[in-house]
Protein backbone atom coordinates (compact mmCIF):
# COMPACT_ATOMS: atom_id res chain seq x y z
CA MET A 1 65.48 104.00 122.40
CA THR A 2 62.59 106.40 121.93
CA ARG A 3 62.69 109.74 120.20
CA ALA A 4 62.47 111.45 123.57
CA GLU A 5 65.59 109.63 124.68
CA THR A 6 67.55 110.88 121.73
CA GLY A 7 67.05 114.39 122.99
CA THR A 8 66.13 115.68 119.54
CA GLY A 9 62.45 115.94 120.06
CA GLY A 10 59.53 114.37 118.31
CA SER A 11 60.06 116.16 115.00
CA GLY A 12 63.01 113.82 114.52
CA ASP A 13 65.02 113.87 111.35
CA GLY A 14 65.93 117.56 110.93
CA PRO A 15 67.58 118.08 114.33
CA ARG A 16 69.32 114.70 114.09
CA ARG A 17 70.76 115.58 110.69
CA GLY A 18 72.00 118.89 112.06
CA ALA A 19 73.50 117.20 115.09
CA GLN A 20 75.29 114.67 112.93
CA ALA A 21 76.57 117.43 110.66
CA ALA A 22 78.29 118.98 113.68
CA LEU A 23 79.77 115.64 114.72
CA LEU A 24 81.01 114.86 111.21
CA ALA A 25 82.50 118.33 110.81
CA ALA A 26 84.60 117.72 113.92
CA THR A 27 85.62 114.29 112.61
CA PHE A 28 86.56 115.78 109.26
CA MET A 29 88.71 118.47 110.88
CA GLY A 30 90.50 115.92 113.05
CA ILE A 31 91.63 113.70 110.16
CA LEU A 32 92.16 116.71 107.88
CA ASP A 33 94.63 118.29 110.28
CA VAL A 34 96.89 115.25 110.19
CA LEU A 35 97.10 115.22 106.40
CA ILE A 36 96.66 118.82 105.27
CA VAL A 37 99.90 119.81 107.01
CA ASN A 38 101.83 117.27 104.94
CA VAL A 39 101.14 119.09 101.67
CA ALA A 40 101.87 122.43 103.36
CA ALA A 41 105.09 121.17 104.98
CA PRO A 42 107.54 122.44 102.29
CA SER A 43 105.89 125.88 102.37
CA ILE A 44 106.00 126.02 106.19
CA GLN A 45 109.66 125.03 106.20
CA ARG A 46 110.59 127.64 103.59
CA ASP A 47 108.60 130.50 105.13
CA LEU A 48 109.77 129.93 108.71
CA GLY A 49 113.37 129.15 107.78
CA ALA A 50 113.05 125.78 109.50
CA GLY A 51 114.85 122.50 109.06
CA PHE A 52 113.26 119.25 107.89
CA SER A 53 113.41 117.86 111.44
CA ASP A 54 111.41 120.89 112.62
CA ILE A 55 108.68 119.98 110.15
CA GLN A 56 108.68 116.40 111.42
CA LEU A 57 108.08 117.82 114.89
CA VAL A 58 105.23 120.03 113.63
CA ILE A 59 103.46 116.89 112.40
CA SER A 60 104.43 114.58 115.26
CA ALA A 61 103.57 117.08 118.01
CA TYR A 62 99.89 117.08 117.02
CA VAL A 63 99.69 113.32 116.63
CA LEU A 64 101.54 112.51 119.87
CA ALA A 65 99.46 114.94 121.92
CA TYR A 66 96.29 113.42 120.52
CA ALA A 67 97.57 109.88 121.17
CA VAL A 68 98.47 110.63 124.79
CA GLY A 69 95.28 112.53 125.56
CA LEU A 70 92.52 110.63 123.77
CA THR A 71 91.79 108.02 126.45
CA THR A 72 91.67 110.72 129.13
CA GLY A 73 89.48 112.82 126.82
CA GLY A 74 87.05 109.94 126.47
CA ARG A 75 86.89 109.51 130.25
CA LEU A 76 86.31 113.22 130.77
CA GLY A 77 83.35 112.96 128.39
CA GLY A 78 81.89 110.16 130.46
CA ALA A 79 82.44 112.08 133.71
CA TYR A 80 81.29 115.58 132.70
CA GLY A 81 78.96 114.86 129.79
CA HIS A 82 79.92 114.09 126.21
CA LYS A 83 78.21 117.15 124.79
CA ARG A 84 79.92 119.58 127.15
CA VAL A 85 83.39 118.13 126.55
CA PHE A 86 82.78 117.91 122.79
CA VAL A 87 81.82 121.59 122.49
CA THR A 88 84.74 122.57 124.73
CA GLY A 89 87.11 120.57 122.53
CA LEU A 90 85.69 122.14 119.36
CA LEU A 91 86.18 125.68 120.67
CA ALA A 92 89.67 124.88 121.92
CA PHE A 93 90.52 123.38 118.52
CA ALA A 94 89.36 126.54 116.74
CA VAL A 95 91.38 128.72 119.12
CA MET A 96 94.54 126.63 118.76
CA SER A 97 94.12 126.57 114.97
CA THR A 98 94.00 130.37 114.96
CA ALA A 99 97.12 130.48 117.12
CA CYS A 100 98.93 128.03 114.79
CA ALA A 101 98.13 130.30 111.84
CA ALA A 102 99.73 133.23 113.68
CA ALA A 103 102.86 131.35 114.80
CA PRO A 104 105.92 133.60 114.34
CA ASN A 105 108.45 130.76 114.20
CA VAL A 106 108.61 126.99 114.06
CA ASP A 107 109.31 126.48 117.78
CA VAL A 108 106.11 128.29 118.71
CA LEU A 109 104.24 126.34 116.03
CA VAL A 110 105.37 123.02 117.52
CA VAL A 111 104.12 124.05 120.98
CA LEU A 112 100.79 125.21 119.55
CA ARG A 113 100.41 121.95 117.64
CA ILE A 114 100.64 120.15 120.98
CA GLY A 115 97.74 122.28 122.19
CA GLN A 116 95.82 121.53 119.01
CA GLY A 117 96.36 117.79 119.51
CA LEU A 118 95.11 117.98 123.11
CA ALA A 119 92.01 119.85 121.90
CA ALA A 120 91.42 117.06 119.37
CA ALA A 121 91.75 114.56 122.23
CA LEU A 122 88.88 116.30 124.00
CA MET A 123 86.74 116.58 120.87
CA LEU A 124 87.07 113.39 118.85
CA PRO A 125 86.52 110.63 121.45
CA GLN A 126 83.03 112.03 122.09
CA VAL A 127 81.83 111.60 118.50
CA LEU A 128 80.96 107.90 118.56
CA ALA A 129 79.42 108.18 122.05
CA LEU A 130 77.19 111.02 120.86
CA ILE A 131 76.15 109.10 117.74
CA GLN A 132 74.94 106.37 120.10
CA THR A 133 72.93 108.97 122.01
CA VAL A 134 71.48 110.92 119.09
CA PHE A 135 70.36 108.07 116.85
CA PRO A 136 67.93 105.29 117.68
CA SER A 137 69.27 101.77 117.16
CA GLU A 138 67.68 101.28 113.73
CA GLU A 139 69.34 104.44 112.36
CA ARG A 140 72.79 103.94 113.91
CA PRO A 141 74.30 101.75 111.15
CA ARG A 142 73.64 104.46 108.55
CA ALA A 143 75.03 107.14 110.87
CA LEU A 144 78.15 105.09 111.50
CA ALA A 145 78.56 104.53 107.76
CA ARG A 146 78.55 108.30 107.25
CA TYR A 147 81.15 108.58 110.00
CA GLY A 148 83.39 106.07 108.20
CA ALA A 149 82.89 107.84 104.88
CA THR A 150 83.90 111.12 106.51
CA LEU A 151 87.19 109.59 107.63
CA GLY A 152 87.86 108.46 104.06
CA LEU A 153 86.86 111.83 102.63
CA GLY A 154 89.17 113.62 105.08
CA ALA A 155 92.06 111.42 103.96
CA ILE A 156 91.50 112.41 100.31
CA ALA A 157 90.57 116.05 100.88
CA GLY A 158 93.50 116.81 103.18
CA GLN A 159 96.07 116.75 100.40
CA LEU A 160 93.84 118.34 97.74
CA LEU A 161 92.35 121.09 99.92
CA GLY A 162 95.76 121.96 101.32
CA GLY A 163 97.20 122.28 97.83
CA LEU A 164 94.26 124.39 96.65
CA LEU A 165 94.52 126.79 99.60
CA LEU A 166 98.25 127.23 99.04
CA ASP A 167 97.82 127.81 95.30
CA LEU A 168 95.04 130.36 95.84
CA ASP A 169 97.13 132.11 98.52
CA VAL A 170 94.01 133.73 99.98
CA LEU A 171 94.81 137.23 101.31
CA GLY A 172 98.50 136.38 101.01
CA LEU A 173 98.23 134.00 103.97
CA GLY A 174 100.12 131.15 102.31
CA TRP A 175 100.41 128.04 104.52
CA ARG A 176 98.63 129.79 107.39
CA SER A 177 95.31 129.30 105.60
CA VAL A 178 95.49 125.52 106.16
CA PHE A 179 95.03 126.19 109.88
CA LEU A 180 92.56 129.06 109.55
CA VAL A 181 90.17 126.90 107.52
CA ASN A 182 89.38 125.10 110.80
CA VAL A 183 88.12 128.25 112.47
CA PRO A 184 84.78 128.89 110.69
CA VAL A 185 84.11 125.14 110.51
CA GLY A 186 84.87 124.68 114.20
CA LEU A 187 82.78 127.65 115.35
CA ALA A 188 79.81 126.63 113.18
CA ALA A 189 80.03 123.04 114.45
CA ALA A 190 80.23 124.24 118.07
CA ALA A 191 77.16 126.44 117.62
CA GLY A 192 75.24 123.59 115.98
CA ALA A 193 76.31 121.11 118.64
CA ALA A 194 75.30 123.45 121.47
CA VAL A 195 71.78 123.81 120.05
CA LEU A 196 71.08 120.41 118.48
CA LEU A 197 72.93 117.81 120.52
CA PRO A 198 71.05 116.32 123.48
CA ALA A 199 72.33 117.18 126.91
CA SER A 200 74.23 114.13 128.09
CA ARG A 201 74.15 113.32 131.76
CA PRO A 202 77.50 113.13 133.51
CA GLY A 203 78.41 109.62 134.58
CA PRO A 204 80.36 108.39 137.58
CA ARG A 205 83.67 110.21 137.94
CA ARG A 206 86.47 107.68 137.93
CA ARG A 207 89.86 108.83 139.11
CA LEU A 208 92.00 109.76 136.10
CA ASP A 209 95.15 107.70 135.64
CA VAL A 210 97.54 110.67 135.79
CA PRO A 211 100.70 108.57 136.39
CA GLY A 212 99.84 106.41 133.38
CA LEU A 213 99.19 109.52 131.29
CA LEU A 214 102.52 111.12 132.21
CA LEU A 215 104.55 107.93 131.72
CA THR A 216 102.94 107.33 128.32
CA ALA A 217 103.80 110.86 127.24
CA LEU A 218 107.35 110.50 128.54
CA ALA A 219 107.96 107.13 126.83
CA MET A 220 106.67 108.36 123.47
CA THR A 221 108.58 111.65 123.61
CA LEU A 222 111.87 110.01 124.60
CA LEU A 223 111.51 107.64 121.64
CA VAL A 224 110.27 109.95 118.89
CA TYR A 225 112.14 113.19 119.65
CA PRO A 226 115.68 111.76 119.30
CA LEU A 227 114.69 109.92 116.13
CA ILE A 228 113.66 113.25 114.62
CA ARG A 229 116.50 115.40 115.97
CA GLY A 230 119.28 112.82 115.79
CA GLN A 231 119.95 113.07 112.06
CA ALA A 232 120.07 116.87 112.01
CA SER A 233 122.29 116.98 115.12
CA GLY A 234 124.79 114.37 113.94
CA TRP A 235 123.54 111.70 116.38
CA PRO A 236 124.97 113.25 119.58
CA LEU A 237 125.55 111.23 122.75
CA TRP A 238 122.31 112.35 124.43
CA ILE A 239 120.31 110.35 121.88
CA TRP A 240 121.16 107.00 123.46
CA PRO A 241 120.23 107.85 127.07
CA SER A 242 116.96 109.16 125.65
CA PHE A 243 116.20 105.82 124.01
CA ALA A 244 117.12 104.04 127.27
CA GLY A 245 114.82 106.42 129.16
CA SER A 246 111.95 105.47 126.85
CA VAL A 247 112.44 101.80 127.69
CA LEU A 248 112.57 102.59 131.42
CA ALA A 249 109.43 104.71 131.16
CA LEU A 250 107.60 101.82 129.46
CA ALA A 251 108.74 99.45 132.22
CA ALA A 252 107.53 101.90 134.85
CA LEU A 253 104.22 102.29 132.96
CA TRP A 254 103.67 98.52 133.06
CA ARG A 255 104.33 98.44 136.81
CA VAL A 256 102.11 101.44 137.56
CA GLU A 257 99.23 100.14 135.42
CA ARG A 258 99.44 96.68 137.00
CA ARG A 259 99.23 98.20 140.48
CA CYS A 260 96.32 100.40 139.42
CA ALA A 261 94.42 97.37 138.09
CA GLU A 262 95.14 95.32 141.22
CA ALA A 263 93.80 98.19 143.36
CA GLY A 264 90.54 98.16 141.41
CA GLY A 265 91.27 101.37 139.50
CA SER A 266 90.91 102.19 135.81
CA PRO A 267 94.38 102.02 134.27
CA LEU A 268 95.06 103.86 131.02
CA VAL A 269 96.58 100.66 129.57
CA PRO A 270 94.90 97.61 131.18
CA PRO A 271 97.62 94.94 131.69
CA ALA A 272 95.09 92.10 131.27
CA LEU A 273 94.56 93.16 127.65
CA LEU A 274 98.26 93.09 126.85
CA ARG A 275 98.49 89.54 128.18
CA ARG A 276 96.06 88.38 125.50
CA ARG A 277 97.99 87.01 122.53
CA GLY A 278 95.52 88.20 119.91
CA PHE A 279 95.45 91.74 121.25
CA SER A 280 99.22 92.11 121.66
CA LEU A 281 99.70 90.76 118.12
CA GLY A 282 97.09 93.25 116.96
CA LEU A 283 99.08 96.12 118.47
CA ALA A 284 102.12 94.95 116.50
CA VAL A 285 99.99 94.96 113.32
CA VAL A 286 98.86 98.53 114.05
CA VAL A 287 102.46 99.72 114.52
CA ALA A 288 103.70 98.08 111.31
CA PHE A 289 100.73 99.24 109.23
CA TYR A 290 100.28 102.86 110.34
CA SER A 291 103.96 103.77 110.65
CA GLY A 292 104.45 102.88 106.99
CA ASN A 293 101.30 104.52 105.64
CA TYR A 294 101.71 107.92 107.21
CA GLY A 295 105.48 107.98 106.85
CA LEU A 296 104.93 107.83 103.08
CA PHE A 297 102.66 110.91 103.00
CA LEU A 298 105.36 113.31 104.18
CA LEU A 299 107.96 111.91 101.76
CA LEU A 300 105.67 112.22 98.75
CA ALA A 301 104.95 115.88 99.54
CA TYR A 302 108.66 116.67 99.34
CA VAL A 303 109.29 114.48 96.29
CA PHE A 304 106.43 116.13 94.39
CA GLN A 305 107.11 119.74 95.47
CA GLU A 306 110.85 119.97 96.08
CA GLY A 307 112.03 117.21 93.74
CA MET A 308 109.60 117.46 90.82
CA HIS A 309 108.77 121.15 91.48
CA LEU A 310 105.03 120.62 91.27
CA SER A 311 102.82 123.32 92.77
CA PRO A 312 101.09 122.49 96.09
CA LEU A 313 97.87 121.88 94.13
CA GLY A 314 99.75 119.67 91.68
CA SER A 315 101.20 117.78 94.64
CA GLY A 316 97.76 117.36 96.19
CA THR A 317 96.41 116.10 92.86
CA ALA A 318 99.28 113.62 92.55
CA PHE A 319 98.19 112.16 95.92
CA LEU A 320 94.68 111.43 94.60
CA PRO A 321 95.33 107.86 93.32
CA LEU A 322 96.53 106.87 96.79
CA GLY A 323 93.51 108.45 98.49
CA ILE A 324 90.95 107.18 95.98
CA GLY A 325 92.27 103.62 96.18
CA PHE A 326 92.23 103.79 99.97
CA ALA A 327 88.69 105.21 100.21
CA ALA A 328 87.17 102.83 97.65
CA ALA A 329 88.71 99.73 99.23
CA SER A 330 87.76 100.92 102.73
CA MET A 331 84.09 100.98 101.77
CA ALA A 332 84.28 97.41 100.50
CA GLY A 333 86.62 96.09 103.20
CA ARG A 334 84.14 95.52 106.02
CA ARG A 335 81.70 93.58 103.82
CA LEU A 336 84.49 91.43 102.41
CA VAL A 337 85.84 90.62 105.87
CA ALA A 338 82.36 89.59 107.01
CA ARG A 339 82.41 87.00 104.21
CA TYR A 340 86.07 85.96 103.90
CA GLY A 341 87.56 86.84 107.29
CA LYS A 342 91.15 87.90 107.83
CA LYS A 343 92.17 86.65 104.38
CA VAL A 344 90.98 90.04 103.11
CA LEU A 345 93.41 91.86 105.40
CA VAL A 346 96.26 89.57 104.34
CA ALA A 347 95.39 90.22 100.70
CA GLY A 348 95.35 93.97 101.43
CA ALA A 349 98.84 93.79 102.93
CA GLY A 350 99.98 91.87 99.86
CA ALA A 351 98.50 94.54 97.58
CA MET A 352 100.37 97.21 99.54
CA ALA A 353 103.66 95.35 99.09
CA ALA A 354 102.91 94.89 95.38
CA GLY A 355 102.10 98.58 94.98
CA TYR A 356 105.37 99.63 96.60
CA LEU A 357 107.31 97.17 94.41
CA VAL A 358 105.63 98.64 91.33
CA LEU A 359 106.62 102.10 92.60
CA ILE A 360 110.25 100.97 92.88
CA VAL A 361 110.21 99.48 89.36
CA THR A 362 108.59 102.67 88.03
CA LEU A 363 111.24 104.94 89.55
CA LEU A 364 114.35 102.79 88.94
CA PRO A 365 114.94 104.01 85.35
CA GLY A 366 114.78 107.59 86.62
CA PRO A 367 111.92 110.10 86.52
CA ALA A 368 110.06 110.89 83.30
CA SER A 369 111.03 113.86 81.16
CA SER A 370 108.56 116.22 82.86
CA ALA A 371 107.22 116.46 86.40
CA PRO A 372 103.54 115.88 85.47
CA LEU A 373 104.50 112.76 83.50
CA ALA A 374 106.65 111.52 86.40
CA ALA A 375 103.77 111.96 88.85
CA LEU A 376 101.39 110.29 86.38
CA ALA A 377 103.75 107.32 86.03
CA MET A 378 103.59 106.82 89.80
CA ALA A 379 99.77 106.83 89.86
CA PRO A 380 99.15 103.07 89.21
CA ALA A 381 101.54 102.07 92.01
CA LEU A 382 99.96 104.54 94.44
CA LEU A 383 96.45 103.37 93.47
CA VAL A 384 97.31 99.72 94.19
CA ALA A 385 99.10 100.55 97.44
CA GLY A 386 96.20 102.76 98.54
CA ALA A 387 93.64 100.07 97.77
CA GLY A 388 95.66 97.54 99.76
CA GLY A 389 95.83 99.96 102.67
CA GLY A 390 92.07 100.49 102.55
CA LEU A 391 91.42 96.73 102.72
CA VAL A 392 93.51 96.57 105.89
CA ALA A 393 92.55 99.83 107.61
CA ALA A 394 88.75 99.66 107.55
CA PRO A 395 88.30 96.26 109.27
CA LEU A 396 91.55 96.20 111.26
CA VAL A 397 90.36 97.55 114.61
CA GLY A 398 87.21 95.41 114.51
CA SER A 399 89.24 92.30 113.66
CA ILE A 400 91.58 92.90 116.60
CA LEU A 401 88.80 93.71 119.06
CA ALA A 402 86.98 90.54 117.97
CA THR A 403 89.76 88.57 119.71
CA VAL A 404 88.92 90.01 123.15
CA PRO A 405 85.79 89.66 125.34
CA ALA A 406 83.02 92.16 124.66
CA GLU A 407 83.40 93.75 128.11
CA ASP A 408 86.99 94.73 127.23
CA ALA A 409 86.09 96.28 123.86
CA GLY A 410 85.97 99.87 125.16
CA ALA A 411 89.36 99.73 126.86
CA GLY A 412 90.83 97.80 123.94
CA SER A 413 89.58 100.35 121.44
CA ALA A 414 91.18 103.20 123.40
CA VAL A 415 94.54 101.41 123.58
CA LEU A 416 94.42 100.59 119.86
CA LEU A 417 93.70 104.20 118.91
CA THR A 418 96.51 105.42 121.14
CA VAL A 419 98.98 102.99 119.56
CA ASN A 420 97.62 103.95 116.13
CA GLN A 421 98.51 107.61 116.65
CA ALA A 422 101.86 106.77 118.24
CA ALA A 423 102.69 104.64 115.19
CA ILE A 424 101.89 107.57 112.88
CA SER A 425 104.32 109.76 114.80
CA LEU A 426 106.95 107.02 114.81
CA GLY A 427 106.54 106.58 111.04
CA VAL A 428 107.03 110.31 110.41
CA ALA A 429 110.21 110.18 112.52
CA VAL A 430 111.72 107.02 111.04
CA PHE A 431 110.88 107.61 107.38
CA GLY A 432 111.82 111.27 107.54
CA THR A 433 115.20 110.39 109.07
CA LEU A 434 115.85 107.66 106.50
CA PHE A 435 114.81 109.92 103.63
CA VAL A 436 117.20 112.70 104.66
CA ALA A 437 120.02 110.18 105.18
CA LEU A 438 119.53 108.76 101.67
CA LEU A 439 119.16 112.21 100.14
CA GLY A 440 122.32 113.36 101.89
CA THR A 441 120.96 116.77 102.86
CA ASP A 442 117.92 118.66 104.05
CA PRO A 443 115.38 118.62 101.17
CA GLN A 444 115.40 122.42 101.09
CA ALA A 445 119.15 123.01 101.58
CA ALA A 446 119.74 125.96 99.25
CA ALA A 447 123.41 125.24 98.64
CA ALA A 448 122.92 121.58 97.81
CA ASN A 449 122.94 120.47 94.21
CA VAL A 450 120.07 118.02 94.58
CA THR A 451 118.30 116.73 91.47
CA VAL A 452 114.94 115.09 90.98
CA THR A 453 116.77 111.78 90.54
CA ASP A 454 118.28 112.21 94.00
CA PHE A 455 114.77 112.62 95.40
CA THR A 456 113.37 109.57 93.62
CA ASP A 457 116.40 107.46 94.59
CA ALA A 458 115.80 108.38 98.24
CA LEU A 459 112.13 107.47 97.82
CA ILE A 460 113.14 104.09 96.35
CA GLY A 461 115.25 103.37 99.43
CA CYS A 462 112.30 104.22 101.70
CA ALA A 463 109.97 102.13 99.51
CA TRP A 464 111.98 99.01 100.34
CA LEU A 465 111.21 99.61 104.02
CA LEU A 466 107.55 100.09 103.08
CA VAL A 467 107.60 96.69 101.33
CA ALA A 468 109.10 95.09 104.43
CA LEU A 469 106.48 96.66 106.73
CA ALA A 470 103.65 95.55 104.42
CA VAL A 471 104.98 91.96 104.44
CA ILE A 472 105.33 92.06 108.25
CA THR A 473 101.76 93.38 108.49
CA GLY A 474 100.45 90.46 106.43
CA LEU A 475 102.43 87.84 108.39
CA LEU A 476 101.24 89.22 111.73
CA ILE A 477 97.61 89.32 110.56
CA ARG A 478 97.85 85.64 109.60
CA ARG A 479 98.83 84.85 113.20
CA LEU A 480 95.83 86.64 114.69
CA PRO A 481 93.45 84.17 116.36
CA PRO A 482 90.03 83.59 114.78
CA ARG A 483 87.27 86.09 115.42
CA ARG A 484 84.97 85.30 118.34
CA ALA A 485 81.39 84.54 117.47
CA GLY A 486 79.17 87.61 117.74
């Protein structure tokens, strides 16, 4: 690729750096908005008079909307130009973030989070395609490394930045500032992208798989929504038809996608991929791994803030060992896998299980005499668990895609990312429901006489499920077929 083809002109480096800054800002916002809301969750619940299940929906609504829309967002980029769709997604994300900050009640906030997730589905799938366009082949590895580092930084900064914004209480905005922080970043990134990114030519317009999109959304909603609402509603009878409807929607999705593929169309979920043993096993790994990881984040926010009465900034700081371990191991994970193969991922799953067991042993005697000491005592366990997660997360998608032919890598990547986000939402639903059941009440129930020991006991119960998921992750990874050469 020549400099002319990059669209940045012959002067080269300056425009490319600016273009990448816009792309990385969007990436940072996308991962930040999953995690920053976790640390703000207790404040949102208290201010809006919401229940814990409402907060689960606030988190899951964004993730599910992104999961459902990301493949379609990627295809829209190919059809109408990646730059145009990227800038549109950025502006929509800034608008929806502003609306979220102004939400008058939790029901409106949930609806707006759906819009924010759909905006992310327009914005984020374009980033890697635009990196391919902006950077010549010899510079792409470094650009992709920065992209990976941004994902790790977002995972760490989400908790810390959210806590800092809440502690500063800028202009008395409270939790609303965690959404408003996206606005100046999004507008600046959109302006930079409009000027510095090369104009990408629209490609052939393939017919969008609308039936597949709708059935995917229906199946996920009918599964996750009753899991979240069931506990708070006393498990009413409508829960079970909803679960059955999710199964029927998945069966219909399989039939519709098979017919679409047989007719020569572009199905959202290509059936041929799911027939491949390595890929279907890989999807199971993604579900087990991501449902556990992200389910833990929400629980820790409530244990630190409601149980140990740490400030939001103190809570964000207490998350740091988990984030630092994850980021450091992620940077080393790809190189280690290139040398030792999937043994590294198995070892990472083992480290996660060990970290959660250490967490259980740490909490069994009861919390330390003060909240800061209790959070500090948990740090080694969170560091080990985070490092194990980083060893799995960084090379996981590449290891799964290495089991399929190169021509299926694009479709496989889209399916994996969709299942990834669905697993996050499922983890928030399952772990949140289990946590409330073990606690015996909503974490913010004013009339309940809930102690810090009650919170840590509930966390111990959830940690056993985390151990089980980590072990399942390792066992499934061991069954993955060997990587294909090249």
